[in-house]
Amino acid sequence: MIGGEPMVHPHMDKICDMMREELWGKYVREILIISNLHPKMLKKGTL
């Protein structure tokens, strides 16, 4: 997944798990998120 905005949703891990199960089922083990993060936006627990 490639995001244009920083992905700071508090339940991003659960959303990714749900998307993986819904879209790709057992064929995809994990989802890599690529987002254009700025160093000032990096905070613990935001990604």
N, C-alpha and C. Protein backbone atom coordinates (compact mmCIF):
# COMPACT_ATOMS: atom_id res chain seq x y z
N MET A 1 0.84 -1.17 0.00
CA MET A 1 0.00 0.00 0.00
C MET A 1 0.88 1.23 0.00
N ILE A 2 0.53 2.19 -0.79
CA ILE A 2 1.28 3.44 -0.81
C ILE A 2 0.32 4.55 -0.44
N GLY A 3 0.67 5.31 0.59
CA GLY A 3 -0.22 6.38 1.05
C GLY A 3 0.40 7.74 0.82
N GLY A 4 -0.44 8.69 0.48
CA GLY A 4 0.04 10.04 0.25
C GLY A 4 0.17 10.83 1.54
N GLU A 5 -0.66 10.52 2.50
CA GLU A 5 -0.61 11.21 3.78
C GLU A 5 -0.06 10.23 4.82
N PRO A 6 0.54 10.74 5.87
CA PRO A 6 1.01 9.84 6.93
C PRO A 6 -0.15 9.01 7.48
N MET A 7 0.09 7.75 7.63
CA MET A 7 -0.97 6.85 8.10
C MET A 7 -0.90 6.78 9.61
N VAL A 8 -1.72 7.60 10.26
CA VAL A 8 -1.62 7.75 11.71
C VAL A 8 -2.85 7.21 12.43
N HIS A 9 -3.64 6.39 11.75
CA HIS A 9 -4.83 5.85 12.39
C HIS A 9 -4.42 4.98 13.57
N PRO A 10 -5.07 5.13 14.73
CA PRO A 10 -4.66 4.36 15.91
C PRO A 10 -4.79 2.85 15.75
N HIS A 11 -5.62 2.40 14.81
CA HIS A 11 -5.80 0.96 14.61
C HIS A 11 -5.31 0.53 13.23
N MET A 12 -4.24 1.17 12.74
CA MET A 12 -3.75 0.87 11.40
C MET A 12 -3.38 -0.61 11.26
N ASP A 13 -2.82 -1.23 12.31
CA ASP A 13 -2.45 -2.64 12.22
C ASP A 13 -3.69 -3.51 12.02
N LYS A 14 -4.78 -3.20 12.72
CA LYS A 14 -6.01 -3.99 12.57
C LYS A 14 -6.64 -3.77 11.20
N ILE A 15 -6.56 -2.53 10.71
CA ILE A 15 -7.10 -2.23 9.38
C ILE A 15 -6.34 -3.03 8.33
N CYS A 16 -5.01 -3.07 8.44
CA CYS A 16 -4.20 -3.83 7.47
C CYS A 16 -4.52 -5.31 7.54
N ASP A 17 -4.67 -5.84 8.76
CA ASP A 17 -5.02 -7.25 8.89
C ASP A 17 -6.35 -7.54 8.23
N MET A 18 -7.34 -6.67 8.45
CA MET A 18 -8.66 -6.88 7.88
C MET A 18 -8.61 -6.79 6.36
N MET A 19 -7.87 -5.80 5.83
CA MET A 19 -7.76 -5.67 4.38
C MET A 19 -7.08 -6.88 3.77
N ARG A 20 -6.03 -7.34 4.43
CA ARG A 20 -5.31 -8.50 3.91
C ARG A 20 -6.22 -9.71 3.84
N GLU A 21 -6.98 -9.94 4.91
CA GLU A 21 -7.87 -11.10 4.94
C GLU A 21 -9.00 -10.96 3.93
N GLU A 22 -9.55 -9.76 3.79
CA GLU A 22 -10.67 -9.55 2.87
C GLU A 22 -10.23 -9.61 1.41
N LEU A 23 -9.09 -9.00 1.09
CA LEU A 23 -8.69 -8.86 -0.30
C LEU A 23 -7.87 -10.04 -0.81
N TRP A 24 -6.95 -10.51 0.02
CA TRP A 24 -6.02 -11.52 -0.48
C TRP A 24 -6.06 -12.83 0.28
N GLY A 25 -6.80 -12.88 1.36
CA GLY A 25 -6.91 -14.13 2.11
C GLY A 25 -5.57 -14.63 2.61
N LYS A 26 -5.37 -15.93 2.46
CA LYS A 26 -4.17 -16.55 3.03
C LYS A 26 -2.94 -16.41 2.14
N TYR A 27 -3.09 -15.77 0.99
CA TYR A 27 -1.97 -15.73 0.05
C TYR A 27 -0.95 -14.65 0.38
N VAL A 28 -1.37 -13.66 1.16
CA VAL A 28 -0.47 -12.56 1.52
C VAL A 28 -0.23 -12.61 3.01
N ARG A 29 1.04 -12.71 3.40
CA ARG A 29 1.36 -12.83 4.82
C ARG A 29 1.36 -11.48 5.53
N GLU A 30 1.85 -10.45 4.85
CA GLU A 30 1.90 -9.14 5.49
C GLU A 30 1.78 -8.05 4.45
N ILE A 31 1.43 -6.86 4.91
CA ILE A 31 1.27 -5.70 4.04
C ILE A 31 2.32 -4.67 4.43
N LEU A 32 3.05 -4.19 3.44
CA LEU A 32 4.03 -3.15 3.68
C LEU A 32 3.40 -1.80 3.35
N ILE A 33 3.48 -0.88 4.28
CA ILE A 33 2.92 0.46 4.06
C ILE A 33 4.06 1.41 3.74
N ILE A 34 3.93 2.10 2.61
CA ILE A 34 4.91 3.11 2.24
C ILE A 34 4.18 4.45 2.26
N SER A 35 4.63 5.34 3.10
CA SER A 35 3.99 6.64 3.22
C SER A 35 5.08 7.71 3.22
N ASN A 36 4.74 8.87 2.68
CA ASN A 36 5.75 9.93 2.59
C ASN A 36 5.87 10.67 3.91
N LEU A 37 6.49 10.03 4.87
CA LEU A 37 6.62 10.60 6.20
C LEU A 37 7.69 11.67 6.25
N HIS A 38 7.39 12.73 6.91
CA HIS A 38 8.38 13.77 7.18
C HIS A 38 8.95 13.50 8.57
N PRO A 39 10.25 13.71 8.77
CA PRO A 39 10.85 13.41 10.09
C PRO A 39 10.11 14.05 11.26
N LYS A 40 9.54 15.23 11.06
CA LYS A 40 8.83 15.90 12.15
C LYS A 40 7.53 15.16 12.50
N MET A 41 7.04 14.33 11.58
CA MET A 41 5.78 13.62 11.81
C MET A 41 5.99 12.30 12.54
N LEU A 42 7.23 11.88 12.67
CA LEU A 42 7.49 10.59 13.29
C LEU A 42 7.28 10.68 14.80
N LYS A 43 6.28 9.97 15.27
CA LYS A 43 6.00 9.92 16.70
C LYS A 43 5.76 8.47 17.07
N LYS A 44 6.05 8.14 18.29
CA LYS A 44 5.86 6.76 18.73
C LYS A 44 4.39 6.38 18.61
N GLY A 45 4.15 5.23 17.98
CA GLY A 45 2.79 4.71 17.89
C GLY A 45 1.95 5.28 16.76
N THR A 46 2.56 6.06 15.85
CA THR A 46 1.74 6.63 14.78
C THR A 46 1.81 5.82 13.51
N LEU A 47 2.68 4.84 13.43
CA LEU A 47 2.78 4.06 12.20
C LEU A 47 2.72 2.60 12.52
